[in-house]
Each structure stands twice: as C-alpha cells, then as structure tokens.
Amino acid sequence: MSALEWYAHKSLGDGIFWIQERFYESGNRANIWLVRGSEQDVVIDTGLGLRSLPEYLYSSGLLQDCGSKEDAGRRPLLAVATHVHFDHSGGLYQFDQVAVHRAEAEALARGDNFETVTWLSDSEVVRAPSPGWRARQFRVQAVQPTLILQDGDVINLGDRQLTVMHMPGHSRGSICLHDKDRKVLFSGDVVYDGSLIDWLPYSRISDYVGTCERLIELVDRGLVEKVLPGHFNTFGAERLFRLASNYISKAGICHKVSTFAMRSLASLALRVTNPRTSP
C-alpha cells in the first residue's frame, strides 16, 4: 500500500492540516498535525509509521519538494512528539529532525516499547500496509532525538512560534504546544474530548491535577480558543475548562485506588508483550 492510500488529510486553514491513518481503526488512532511556517514546518506526532509520512507530505502536495532530500530550497521539517506512546511516536524514525521532552528522550533513544506502551492488534489495522504484515511485528524504533525540549522552549517557524508546555500526568514527558498569537493549543494526550488516561506506566495523578490546573489557567486568562488534541475532534475553551475541571474533581482517593489496580494490570501486560532489554 502506498503512503497516499494509507493517510488522509484535511485543511483547517491558517497553515494547519489534520492527518490521519485511514486503515488504523482504533480509539488509539492519533491525530497528526502539520503546521506550516515561513521558515520551518512542524509535524506534531507521527502515528504508527507503517507507511512513510514524509513521502505522503510531499506526494500529496502538503509540502513542496524542491528536489533531492538535501536540496537547500526545502524548508526544514521538524517532527515533534507530544509524548512517546506508540500511537504518536511510531513514525519518528522516518524524520531527520526529531524533538521530544527530555523526560522521555532516553526511552525513545533506546526504543523502550514498555514506556511507549506498544499494544497493537491485527483487528485494529483493517488493511495490511504491506503483504504479510502482522501487528505482533510492530515496535517503536529507537530514535536519537536531535532536539531535547523542556518547559518554556519556543519552536520558531518564522511567522509563528510554538511554546512548549511540559504537562505530565498521562506520561512523564507529555507536552502541549501553544501558539500564543493564534490562541491554539496542540494538546497531545494531555487533554482530548474523552476519558483521560492516567493508569499507564509513568502516569501520575498528582501530576495530572497540576497539569489540569495549568489548563484552567490558560482558559481563565483567555489564552486558548481552540484545542487540537491527540485524539478525536477539536474543541474550544469552554470544553477545555470542563474537561480539566472534571478531572480535578474526580481525582480523589477512590479514583487513586482504582487507578492503581488498573496500572498494575496494564504494566504486567506490557511487560509480557514488551520485555525490556535494558534497565
């Protein structure tokens, strides 16, 4: 299957494109965002990486190919992982320039499929990307990041800037990217319009509460009008406030007990399917 078949996209205007993997039919299917700038383009999350995302970006005309890969006429292209979970980081190996938060840089560099929570079934991939492909073969490949991110860093695209916000809770290195001028928040799995997951390895409820408090502050200060999340549909400030507030209100002792049990089961299953080869 070609990259042009595997992916699909639509424009949201203002240089932002929403890309999805057509034949990965799962609640884990991540949104891939392309943000075009005057001096640099950024891909936010990369999906599973079962077909070439860079090939799709150029073949579909989303980015202009000025010749060979080394052609100086092509704008730099940076792939940013909002976190290293498999559904967001699987395609990072296809890019020359890769950015991730420092808390998860080592896991990405060693291809730690326990921390990437790799969990994929044949039934979720409704058309095989290549003959004989099986889900059990899938692993997030080790990638050495070229840019290590931390809270407050700014990714300069020329005519727009994306500010890094370290927002742990879902994972220890989860980030949002905030376009302050346009009041747009690329939220990854920090927040989306669904049940927020805090029971995976390296999830932490106390961190998530702090993160949700920061999200509420963004709304209260009028700094976000549109959220482009890691899963499902986009939404606005009012919904962001409600999602963050609801999480905080439910993060009591009963939630912590049930979450501990779920995390234990999830960790056990992941250790069986993704045994670690290094500490």
C-alpha atoms as a PDB file:
ATOM      1  CA  MET A   1       0.000   0.000   0.000  1.00  0.00           C
ATOM      2  CA  SER A   2       1.292   3.455  -0.867  1.00  0.00           C
ATOM      3  CA  ALA A   3       1.597   6.325   1.541  1.00  0.00           C
ATOM      4  CA  LEU A   4      -1.041   8.205  -0.466  1.00  0.00           C
ATOM      5  CA  GLU A   5      -3.501   5.405   0.275  1.00  0.00           C
ATOM      6  CA  TRP A   6      -2.597   4.970   3.930  1.00  0.00           C
ATOM      7  CA  TYR A   7      -3.022   8.608   5.014  1.00  0.00           C
ATOM      8  CA  ALA A   8      -5.716  11.224   4.510  1.00  0.00           C
ATOM      9  CA  HIS A   9      -5.846  14.883   5.461  1.00  0.00           C
ATOM     10  CA  LYS A  10      -7.955  17.982   5.592  1.00  0.00           C
ATOM     11  CA  SER A  11      -7.051  21.625   5.937  1.00  0.00           C
ATOM     12  CA  LEU A  12      -8.105  23.615   8.992  1.00  0.00           C
ATOM     13  CA  GLY A  13      -6.842  26.833   7.431  1.00  0.00           C
ATOM     14  CA  ASP A  14      -4.017  29.121   8.500  1.00  0.00           C
ATOM     15  CA  GLY A  15      -1.355  26.578   7.518  1.00  0.00           C
ATOM     16  CA  ILE A  16      -2.654  23.753   9.737  1.00  0.00           C
ATOM     17  CA  PHE A  17      -3.513  20.306   8.382  1.00  0.00           C
ATOM     18  CA  TRP A  18      -5.133  17.358  10.168  1.00  0.00           C
ATOM     19  CA  ILE A  19      -3.730  13.991   9.047  1.00  0.00           C
ATOM     20  CA  GLN A  20      -4.941  10.511   9.981  1.00  0.00           C
ATOM     21  CA  GLU A  21      -4.072   6.896   9.214  1.00  0.00           C
ATOM     22  CA  ARG A  22      -7.107   5.695   7.284  1.00  0.00           C
ATOM     23  CA  PHE A  23      -6.824   1.965   7.941  1.00  0.00           C
ATOM     24  CA  TYR A  24      -5.944   2.087  11.624  1.00  0.00           C
ATOM     25  CA  GLU A  25      -9.439   1.878  13.091  1.00  0.00           C
ATOM     26  CA  SER A  26      -8.999   2.221  16.829  1.00  0.00           C
ATOM     27  CA  GLY A  27      -9.625   4.630  19.658  1.00  0.00           C
ATOM     28  CA  ASN A  28      -5.833   4.790  19.783  1.00  0.00           C
ATOM     29  CA  ARG A  29      -5.603   6.301  16.309  1.00  0.00           C
ATOM     30  CA  ALA A  30      -3.736   9.534  16.871  1.00  0.00           C
ATOM     31  CA  ASN A  31      -4.244  12.844  15.164  1.00  0.00           C
ATOM     32  CA  ILE A  32      -1.204  14.010  13.226  1.00  0.00           C
ATOM     33  CA  TRP A  33      -0.850  17.759  12.791  1.00  0.00           C
ATOM     34  CA  LEU A  34       1.159  19.559  10.132  1.00  0.00           C
ATOM     35  CA  VAL A  35       1.876  23.212  10.863  1.00  0.00           C
ATOM     36  CA  ARG A  36       3.441  25.156   8.022  1.00  0.00           C
ATOM     37  CA  GLY A  37       5.635  28.149   8.728  1.00  0.00           C
ATOM     38  CA  SER A  38       7.503  30.682   6.638  1.00  0.00           C
ATOM     39  CA  GLU A  39      10.897  29.304   7.685  1.00  0.00           C
ATOM     40  CA  GLN A  40      10.200  25.849   9.127  1.00  0.00           C
ATOM     41  CA  ASP A  41       7.425  23.252   9.033  1.00  0.00           C
ATOM     42  CA  VAL A  42       6.487  21.110  12.016  1.00  0.00           C
ATOM     43  CA  VAL A  43       4.770  17.723  12.232  1.00  0.00           C
ATOM     44  CA  ILE A  44       3.197  17.176  15.630  1.00  0.00           C
ATOM     45  CA  ASP A  45       3.085  13.427  16.324  1.00  0.00           C
ATOM     46  CA  THR A  46       3.633  10.829  13.611  1.00  0.00           C
ATOM     47  CA  GLY A  47       1.200   7.955  14.147  1.00  0.00           C
ATOM     48  CA  LEU A  48       2.282   4.334  13.847  1.00  0.00           C
ATOM     49  CA  GLY A  49       4.701   4.908  10.984  1.00  0.00           C
ATOM     50  CA  LEU A  50       3.516   1.901   8.957  1.00  0.00           C
ATOM     51  CA  ARG A  51       3.850   3.914   5.751  1.00  0.00           C
ATOM     52  CA  SER A  52       6.150   6.859   5.056  1.00  0.00           C
ATOM     53  CA  LEU A  53       4.665  10.063   6.430  1.00  0.00           C
ATOM     54  CA  PRO A  54       7.309  12.315   4.813  1.00  0.00           C
ATOM     55  CA  GLU A  55       6.527  10.690   1.467  1.00  0.00           C
ATOM     56  CA  TYR A  56       2.854  11.461   1.969  1.00  0.00           C
ATOM     57  CA  LEU A  57       3.525  15.088   2.903  1.00  0.00           C
ATOM     58  CA  TYR A  58       5.403  15.717  -0.323  1.00  0.00           C
ATOM     59  CA  SER A  59       3.449  13.418  -2.667  1.00  0.00           C
ATOM     60  CA  SER A  60       0.136  14.911  -1.566  1.00  0.00           C
ATOM     61  CA  GLY A  61       1.404  18.445  -2.093  1.00  0.00           C
ATOM     62  CA  LEU A  62       1.111  19.448   1.554  1.00  0.00           C
ATOM     63  CA  LEU A  63       4.786  20.331   1.419  1.00  0.00           C
ATOM     64  CA  GLN A  64       6.720  21.392  -1.628  1.00  0.00           C
ATOM     65  CA  ASP A  65       9.536  19.118  -2.726  1.00  0.00           C
ATOM     66  CA  CYS A  66      12.229  21.281  -4.247  1.00  0.00           C
ATOM     67  CA  GLY A  67      14.347  18.374  -5.394  1.00  0.00           C
ATOM     68  CA  SER A  68      16.562  15.985  -3.523  1.00  0.00           C
ATOM     69  CA  LYS A  69      16.450  15.466   0.237  1.00  0.00           C
ATOM     70  CA  GLU A  70      19.497  17.649   0.630  1.00  0.00           C
ATOM     71  CA  ASP A  71      18.146  20.486  -1.518  1.00  0.00           C
ATOM     72  CA  ALA A  72      18.640  23.764   0.314  1.00  0.00           C
ATOM     73  CA  GLY A  73      15.400  25.093  -1.209  1.00  0.00           C
ATOM     74  CA  ARG A  74      13.277  22.842   1.008  1.00  0.00           C
ATOM     75  CA  ARG A  75      12.181  24.326   4.330  1.00  0.00           C
ATOM     76  CA  PRO A  76      13.385  22.448   7.418  1.00  0.00           C
ATOM     77  CA  LEU A  77      10.912  19.870   8.680  1.00  0.00           C
ATOM     78  CA  LEU A  78      10.812  19.039  12.382  1.00  0.00           C
ATOM     79  CA  ALA A  79       8.855  16.123  13.874  1.00  0.00           C
ATOM     80  CA  VAL A  80       7.753  16.810  17.449  1.00  0.00           C
ATOM     81  CA  ALA A  81       6.421  14.066  19.703  1.00  0.00           C
ATOM     82  CA  THR A  82       3.908  15.245  22.290  1.00  0.00           C
ATOM     83  CA  HIS A  83       4.968  12.064  24.101  1.00  0.00           C
ATOM     84  CA  VAL A  84       6.500   8.722  23.122  1.00  0.00           C
ATOM     85  CA  HIS A  85       3.481   6.406  23.289  1.00  0.00           C
ATOM     86  CA  PHE A  86       3.430   4.127  20.253  1.00  0.00           C
ATOM     87  CA  ASP A  87       0.415   5.648  18.522  1.00  0.00           C
ATOM     88  CA  HIS A  88       2.176   9.029  18.443  1.00  0.00           C
ATOM     89  CA  SER A  89       5.843   8.114  18.031  1.00  0.00           C
ATOM     90  CA  GLY A  90       5.888   5.142  15.657  1.00  0.00           C
ATOM     91  CA  GLY A  91       6.807   7.263  12.633  1.00  0.00           C
ATOM     92  CA  LEU A  92       9.536   9.384  14.225  1.00  0.00           C
ATOM     93  CA  TYR A  93      12.264   7.215  12.715  1.00  0.00           C
ATOM     94  CA  GLN A  94      11.267   8.498   9.264  1.00  0.00           C
ATOM     95  CA  PHE A  95      12.387  12.062  10.054  1.00  0.00           C
ATOM     96  CA  ASP A  96      15.862  13.586  10.188  1.00  0.00           C
ATOM     97  CA  GLN A  97      14.945  16.168  12.821  1.00  0.00           C
ATOM     98  CA  VAL A  98      13.097  14.874  15.892  1.00  0.00           C
ATOM     99  CA  ALA A  99      12.139  16.667  19.106  1.00  0.00           C
ATOM    100  CA  VAL A 100      10.859  15.200  22.383  1.00  0.00           C
ATOM    101  CA  HIS A 101      10.723  16.279  26.006  1.00  0.00           C
ATOM    102  CA  ARG A 102      13.827  15.434  27.982  1.00  0.00           C
ATOM    103  CA  ALA A 103      11.880  13.184  30.389  1.00  0.00           C
ATOM    104  CA  GLU A 104      11.240  10.691  27.574  1.00  0.00           C
ATOM    105  CA  ALA A 105      14.290  11.247  25.363  1.00  0.00           C
ATOM    106  CA  GLU A 106      16.170   8.250  26.754  1.00  0.00           C
ATOM    107  CA  ALA A 107      13.216   5.896  26.303  1.00  0.00           C
ATOM    108  CA  LEU A 108      12.921   6.960  22.673  1.00  0.00           C
ATOM    109  CA  ALA A 109      16.652   6.638  22.070  1.00  0.00           C
ATOM    110  CA  ARG A 110      16.725   3.038  23.281  1.00  0.00           C
ATOM    111  CA  GLY A 111      13.407   2.004  21.703  1.00  0.00           C
ATOM    112  CA  ASP A 112      11.802   1.184  25.042  1.00  0.00           C
ATOM    113  CA  ASN A 113       8.497  -0.393  23.992  1.00  0.00           C
ATOM    114  CA  PHE A 114       7.401  -0.699  27.612  1.00  0.00           C
ATOM    115  CA  GLU A 115       7.449   3.055  28.076  1.00  0.00           C
ATOM    116  CA  THR A 116       5.930   3.569  24.619  1.00  0.00           C
ATOM    117  CA  VAL A 117       3.111   1.235  25.818  1.00  0.00           C
ATOM    118  CA  THR A 118       3.135  -0.594  22.492  1.00  0.00           C
ATOM    119  CA  TRP A 119      -0.146  -2.503  22.199  1.00  0.00           C
ATOM    120  CA  LEU A 120      -1.444  -3.184  18.704  1.00  0.00           C
ATOM    121  CA  SER A 121      -3.731  -5.896  17.343  1.00  0.00           C
ATOM    122  CA  ASP A 122      -4.352  -7.194  13.832  1.00  0.00           C
ATOM    123  CA  SER A 123      -8.053  -6.340  14.125  1.00  0.00           C
ATOM    124  CA  GLU A 124      -7.263  -2.625  14.504  1.00  0.00           C
ATOM    125  CA  VAL A 125      -5.379  -2.475  11.190  1.00  0.00           C
ATOM    126  CA  VAL A 126      -8.158  -3.222   8.716  1.00  0.00           C
ATOM    127  CA  ARG A 127      -5.895  -3.231   5.659  1.00  0.00           C
ATOM    128  CA  ALA A 128      -2.361  -4.523   5.911  1.00  0.00           C
ATOM    129  CA  PRO A 129       0.164  -1.821   4.983  1.00  0.00           C
ATOM    130  CA  SER A 130       2.341  -4.442   3.281  1.00  0.00           C
ATOM    131  CA  PRO A 131       1.977  -8.130   2.328  1.00  0.00           C
ATOM    132  CA  GLY A 132       2.312 -10.435   5.320  1.00  0.00           C
ATOM    133  CA  TRP A 133       2.305  -7.639   7.875  1.00  0.00           C
ATOM    134  CA  ARG A 134       1.245  -8.660  11.397  1.00  0.00           C
ATOM    135  CA  ALA A 135       0.687  -6.485  14.450  1.00  0.00           C
ATOM    136  CA  ARG A 136       2.947  -8.642  16.611  1.00  0.00           C
ATOM    137  CA  GLN A 137       5.880  -7.491  14.461  1.00  0.00           C
ATOM    138  CA  PHE A 138       5.282  -3.834  15.286  1.00  0.00           C
ATOM    139  CA  ARG A 139       7.710  -1.999  17.515  1.00  0.00           C
ATOM    140  CA  VAL A 140       8.554   1.654  18.017  1.00  0.00           C
ATOM    141  CA  GLN A 141      12.022   2.005  16.567  1.00  0.00           C
ATOM    142  CA  ALA A 142      14.815   3.618  18.536  1.00  0.00           C
ATOM    143  CA  VAL A 143      15.374   7.230  17.512  1.00  0.00           C
ATOM    144  CA  GLN A 144      18.048   9.600  18.750  1.00  0.00           C
ATOM    145  CA  PRO A 145      16.326  12.971  19.243  1.00  0.00           C
ATOM    146  CA  THR A 146      18.034  15.919  17.604  1.00  0.00           C
ATOM    147  CA  LEU A 147      16.261  18.427  19.860  1.00  0.00           C
ATOM    148  CA  ILE A 148      15.559  17.917  23.561  1.00  0.00           C
ATOM    149  CA  LEU A 149      12.648  20.011  24.786  1.00  0.00           C
ATOM    150  CA  GLN A 150      11.781  21.459  28.167  1.00  0.00           C
ATOM    151  CA  ASP A 151       9.072  23.712  29.537  1.00  0.00           C
ATOM    152  CA  GLY A 152       9.199  27.217  28.092  1.00  0.00           C
ATOM    153  CA  ASP A 153      11.161  26.377  24.955  1.00  0.00           C
ATOM    154  CA  VAL A 154       9.967  28.082  21.783  1.00  0.00           C
ATOM    155  CA  ILE A 155       9.933  26.374  18.380  1.00  0.00           C
ATOM    156  CA  ASN A 156      10.285  29.122  15.781  1.00  0.00           C
ATOM    157  CA  LEU A 157       8.565  28.531  12.448  1.00  0.00           C
ATOM    158  CA  GLY A 158       9.270  32.050  11.208  1.00  0.00           C
ATOM    159  CA  ASP A 159       5.808  33.589  11.101  1.00  0.00           C
ATOM    160  CA  ARG A 160       4.588  31.650  14.126  1.00  0.00           C
ATOM    161  CA  GLN A 161       6.032  30.318  17.349  1.00  0.00           C
ATOM    162  CA  LEU A 162       5.045  27.252  19.345  1.00  0.00           C
ATOM    163  CA  THR A 163       5.762  27.375  23.057  1.00  0.00           C
ATOM    164  CA  VAL A 164       6.484  24.083  24.813  1.00  0.00           C
ATOM    165  CA  MET A 165       4.443  23.386  27.945  1.00  0.00           C
ATOM    166  CA  HIS A 166       5.545  20.356  29.972  1.00  0.00           C
ATOM    167  CA  MET A 167       2.253  18.830  31.113  1.00  0.00           C
ATOM    168  CA  PRO A 168       2.929  15.469  32.821  1.00  0.00           C
ATOM    169  CA  GLY A 169       0.261  13.126  34.119  1.00  0.00           C
ATOM    170  CA  HIS A 170      -0.688  10.984  31.141  1.00  0.00           C
ATOM    171  CA  SER A 171       3.025  10.306  30.725  1.00  0.00           C
ATOM    172  CA  ARG A 172       6.068  11.826  32.347  1.00  0.00           C
ATOM    173  CA  GLY A 173       7.191  13.680  29.230  1.00  0.00           C
ATOM    174  CA  SER A 174       3.839  14.813  27.842  1.00  0.00           C
ATOM    175  CA  ILE A 175       3.824  18.294  26.326  1.00  0.00           C
ATOM    176  CA  CYS A 176       1.427  20.740  24.766  1.00  0.00           C
ATOM    177  CA  LEU A 177       2.476  23.205  22.077  1.00  0.00           C
ATOM    178  CA  HIS A 178       0.886  26.631  22.455  1.00  0.00           C
ATOM    179  CA  ASP A 179       0.547  29.089  19.590  1.00  0.00           C
ATOM    180  CA  LYS A 180       0.020  32.128  21.781  1.00  0.00           C
ATOM    181  CA  ASP A 181      -0.652  34.584  18.971  1.00  0.00           C
ATOM    182  CA  ARG A 182      -3.436  32.468  17.485  1.00  0.00           C
ATOM    183  CA  LYS A 183      -4.613  31.078  20.843  1.00  0.00           C
ATOM    184  CA  VAL A 184      -4.314  27.500  19.570  1.00  0.00           C
ATOM    185  CA  LEU A 185      -3.227  24.616  21.795  1.00  0.00           C
ATOM    186  CA  PHE A 186      -1.877  21.357  20.366  1.00  0.00           C
ATOM    187  CA  SER A 187      -2.597  19.178  23.382  1.00  0.00           C
ATOM    188  CA  GLY A 188      -1.430  15.658  22.506  1.00  0.00           C
ATOM    189  CA  ASP A 189      -2.881  13.234  25.057  1.00  0.00           C
ATOM    190  CA  VAL A 190      -2.752  15.787  27.855  1.00  0.00           C
ATOM    191  CA  VAL A 191      -6.396  16.522  27.110  1.00  0.00           C
ATOM    192  CA  TYR A 192      -8.856  15.384  24.463  1.00  0.00           C
ATOM    193  CA  ASP A 193     -12.633  15.061  24.331  1.00  0.00           C
ATOM    194  CA  GLY A 194     -12.844  11.700  26.057  1.00  0.00           C
ATOM    195  CA  SER A 195     -11.894   9.869  29.225  1.00  0.00           C
ATOM    196  CA  LEU A 196      -8.373  10.925  30.210  1.00  0.00           C
ATOM    197  CA  ILE A 197      -5.981   8.029  30.788  1.00  0.00           C
ATOM    198  CA  ASP A 198      -3.875   8.131  33.942  1.00  0.00           C
ATOM    199  CA  TRP A 199      -3.305   4.431  34.612  1.00  0.00           C
ATOM    200  CA  LEU A 200      -0.373   3.664  32.329  1.00  0.00           C
ATOM    201  CA  PRO A 201       3.265   3.208  33.353  1.00  0.00           C
ATOM    202  CA  TYR A 202       4.657   6.636  34.253  1.00  0.00           C
ATOM    203  CA  SER A 203       1.197   8.166  34.588  1.00  0.00           C
ATOM    204  CA  ARG A 204       0.764  10.085  37.829  1.00  0.00           C
ATOM    205  CA  ILE A 205      -2.485  11.513  39.158  1.00  0.00           C
ATOM    206  CA  SER A 206      -0.872  14.275  41.215  1.00  0.00           C
ATOM    207  CA  ASP A 207       0.982  15.497  38.126  1.00  0.00           C
ATOM    208  CA  TYR A 208      -2.222  15.350  36.084  1.00  0.00           C
ATOM    209  CA  VAL A 209      -4.049  17.506  38.621  1.00  0.00           C
ATOM    210  CA  GLY A 210      -1.308  20.128  38.359  1.00  0.00           C
ATOM    211  CA  THR A 211      -1.479  19.950  34.583  1.00  0.00           C
ATOM    212  CA  CYS A 212      -5.249  20.440  34.605  1.00  0.00           C
ATOM    213  CA  GLU A 213      -4.811  23.460  36.847  1.00  0.00           C
ATOM    214  CA  ARG A 214      -2.492  24.953  34.213  1.00  0.00           C
ATOM    215  CA  LEU A 215      -5.078  24.243  31.518  1.00  0.00           C
ATOM    216  CA  ILE A 216      -7.747  26.027  33.530  1.00  0.00           C
ATOM    217  CA  GLU A 217      -5.415  28.983  33.972  1.00  0.00           C
ATOM    218  CA  LEU A 218      -4.962  29.193  30.192  1.00  0.00           C
ATOM    219  CA  VAL A 219      -8.726  29.425  29.783  1.00  0.00           C
ATOM    220  CA  ASP A 220      -9.183  31.901  32.627  1.00  0.00           C
ATOM    221  CA  ARG A 221      -6.550  34.195  31.111  1.00  0.00           C
ATOM    222  CA  GLY A 222      -8.128  33.965  27.649  1.00  0.00           C
ATOM    223  CA  LEU A 223      -5.008  32.372  26.134  1.00  0.00           C
ATOM    224  CA  VAL A 224      -6.709  29.446  24.368  1.00  0.00           C
ATOM    225  CA  GLU A 225      -9.644  29.497  21.987  1.00  0.00           C
ATOM    226  CA  LYS A 226      -9.091  26.246  20.074  1.00  0.00           C
ATOM    227  CA  VAL A 227      -7.646  22.883  21.106  1.00  0.00           C
ATOM    228  CA  LEU A 228      -6.204  20.481  18.538  1.00  0.00           C
ATOM    229  CA  PRO A 229      -5.893  17.233  20.527  1.00  0.00           C
ATOM    230  CA  GLY A 230      -4.059  13.954  20.097  1.00  0.00           C
ATOM    231  CA  HIS A 231      -7.299  12.022  19.564  1.00  0.00           C
ATOM    232  CA  PHE A 232     -10.842  12.656  18.398  1.00  0.00           C
ATOM    233  CA  ASN A 233     -12.245  16.064  17.414  1.00  0.00           C
ATOM    234  CA  THR A 234     -11.142  19.612  18.040  1.00  0.00           C
ATOM    235  CA  PHE A 235     -12.900  21.724  20.669  1.00  0.00           C
ATOM    236  CA  GLY A 236     -12.927  25.139  22.271  1.00  0.00           C
ATOM    237  CA  ALA A 237     -12.073  26.854  25.516  1.00  0.00           C
ATOM    238  CA  GLU A 238     -15.334  26.082  27.295  1.00  0.00           C
ATOM    239  CA  ARG A 239     -14.947  22.350  26.707  1.00  0.00           C
ATOM    240  CA  LEU A 240     -11.283  22.515  27.747  1.00  0.00           C
ATOM    241  CA  PHE A 241     -12.285  24.137  31.043  1.00  0.00           C
ATOM    242  CA  ARG A 242     -14.917  21.469  31.662  1.00  0.00           C
ATOM    243  CA  LEU A 243     -12.609  18.537  30.887  1.00  0.00           C
ATOM    244  CA  ALA A 244      -9.838  19.845  33.135  1.00  0.00           C
ATOM    245  CA  SER A 245     -12.233  20.728  35.948  1.00  0.00           C
ATOM    246  CA  ASN A 246     -13.942  17.337  35.801  1.00  0.00           C
ATOM    247  CA  TYR A 247     -10.624  15.532  36.088  1.00  0.00           C
ATOM    248  CA  ILE A 248      -9.628  17.504  39.178  1.00  0.00           C
ATOM    249  CA  SER A 249     -12.996  16.917  40.833  1.00  0.00           C
ATOM    250  CA  LYS A 250     -12.759  13.141  40.321  1.00  0.00           C
ATOM    251  CA  ALA A 251      -9.118  12.699  41.369  1.00  0.00           C
ATOM    252  CA  GLY A 252      -9.936  11.617  44.924  1.00  0.00           C
ATOM    253  CA  ILE A 253      -8.979   8.566  46.944  1.00  0.00           C
ATOM    254  CA  CYS A 254     -11.415   6.186  45.220  1.00  0.00           C
ATOM    255  CA  HIS A 255     -10.060   7.175  41.815  1.00  0.00           C
ATOM    256  CA  LYS A 256      -6.493   6.703  43.030  1.00  0.00           C
ATOM    257  CA  VAL A 257      -7.233   3.202  44.342  1.00  0.00           C
ATOM    258  CA  SER A 258      -8.937   2.038  41.152  1.00  0.00           C
ATOM    259  CA  THR A 259      -6.234   3.618  39.027  1.00  0.00           C
ATOM    260  CA  PHE A 260      -3.517   1.815  40.984  1.00  0.00           C
ATOM    261  CA  ALA A 261      -5.169  -1.526  40.218  1.00  0.00           C
ATOM    262  CA  MET A 262      -5.529  -0.692  36.524  1.00  0.00           C
ATOM    263  CA  ARG A 263      -1.925   0.488  36.290  1.00  0.00           C
ATOM    264  CA  SER A 264      -0.690  -2.735  37.867  1.00  0.00           C
ATOM    265  CA  LEU A 265      -2.593  -4.836  35.332  1.00  0.00           C
ATOM    266  CA  ALA A 266      -1.507  -2.666  32.406  1.00  0.00           C
ATOM    267  CA  SER A 267       2.130  -2.792  33.484  1.00  0.00           C
ATOM    268  CA  LEU A 268       2.021  -6.566  33.809  1.00  0.00           C
ATOM    269  CA  ALA A 269       0.520  -6.997  30.338  1.00  0.00           C
ATOM    270  CA  LEU A 270       3.022  -4.607  28.793  1.00  0.00           C
ATOM    271  CA  ARG A 271       5.982  -6.318  30.442  1.00  0.00           C
ATOM    272  CA  VAL A 272       4.870  -9.636  28.962  1.00  0.00           C
ATOM    273  CA  THR A 273       4.459  -8.248  25.443  1.00  0.00           C
ATOM    274  CA  ASN A 274       7.331  -5.748  25.562  1.00  0.00           C
ATOM    275  CA  PRO A 275      10.111  -7.164  27.768  1.00  0.00           C
ATOM    276  CA  ARG A 276      12.846  -4.671  28.462  1.00  0.00           C
ATOM    277  CA  THR A 277      16.326  -5.394  27.211  1.00  0.00           C
ATOM    278  CA  SER A 278      17.902  -2.653  29.300  1.00  0.00           C
ATOM    279  CA  PRO A 279      17.161  -1.033  32.663  1.00  0.00           C
END
